[in-house]
Amino acid sequence: AWEKGASSDSLLEGISGDLEVERRHQEYPQLRAFLKLLLSLARAHAAASLPLPAGFSTCLLSERPASLCSVFAVHAGFGYATEGERWDVASCCLSLFLQLLEAYDPSSDPSHELCGAPPPTTPAEATA
């Protein structure tokens, strides 16, 4: 979906609509399945030593309604039919955050160029 087919905007728009329905029922099977799919994709890329697909982390870390950041920020305020589901949603979100952090390569991040700052260094470079 990130490289071909639906844009990340339309993907998150669809998930956002589903999330509204799930919130009314206080059960989140599609949200949990979506988060677990994203986590599986991120882990598969890491296991194969491949970078994440272009736009993957940007899509997840945006402020769109169904993005990872937005879901994690408000998940505690959702109503839940079962308490265990709350912790499953939280666990999936945190696992995805961890996977994104582990995959992050500061040397390939062009955002430092926007403010004129020098490229970031890795911990090994900083101590050398």
Foldseek 3Di string as FASTA:
>chain_A
DPPDDDHLVVVQVVVLVVVVVCLVVQHDPPLLVVLVVLLVQLVVCVVVVHARPPCSVVSQPDCPCSHLVNCLVCLVVGHHPDPVRSVSSNVSSVSNVVSCVVRDDQQPDCPCVVVPHDGDDDPVVVVD
